[in-house]
Amino acid sequence: MNKTEFISAVSEKSGLSKVDAKKAVEAFVETVSNELKEGGKVALLGFGSFSVAEKAARKGVNPKTKQAIEIPARKSVKFKAGAELAELVK
């Protein structure tokens, strides 16, 4: 499902127009993005939680040249499914 299909599904299930559903989806994405950018966490009870994880610097291997390379430390987004979502997917 891509963003357009997701907006259509939200529109159908909520009874909102596609324009309003698009605004709601974009507001959700922007709100979650801004919170994670500031280092916060977003928890939606029953659905899951979004957080920022610190990845330490490590050594790796360039598959083309087989030379050792240093992979720098970075931050990444982590999603942990809530109990209800995990049970639904089972």
Foldseek 3Di string as FASTA:
>chain_A
DDPLVVLVVCCVVVVHDSVVSNVVVVVVVVVQVVQQVVQHKDADAQFWIKGKDKAQKDWDADVVVRDIDIRHIDIDIDIDGHPNVVVVVD
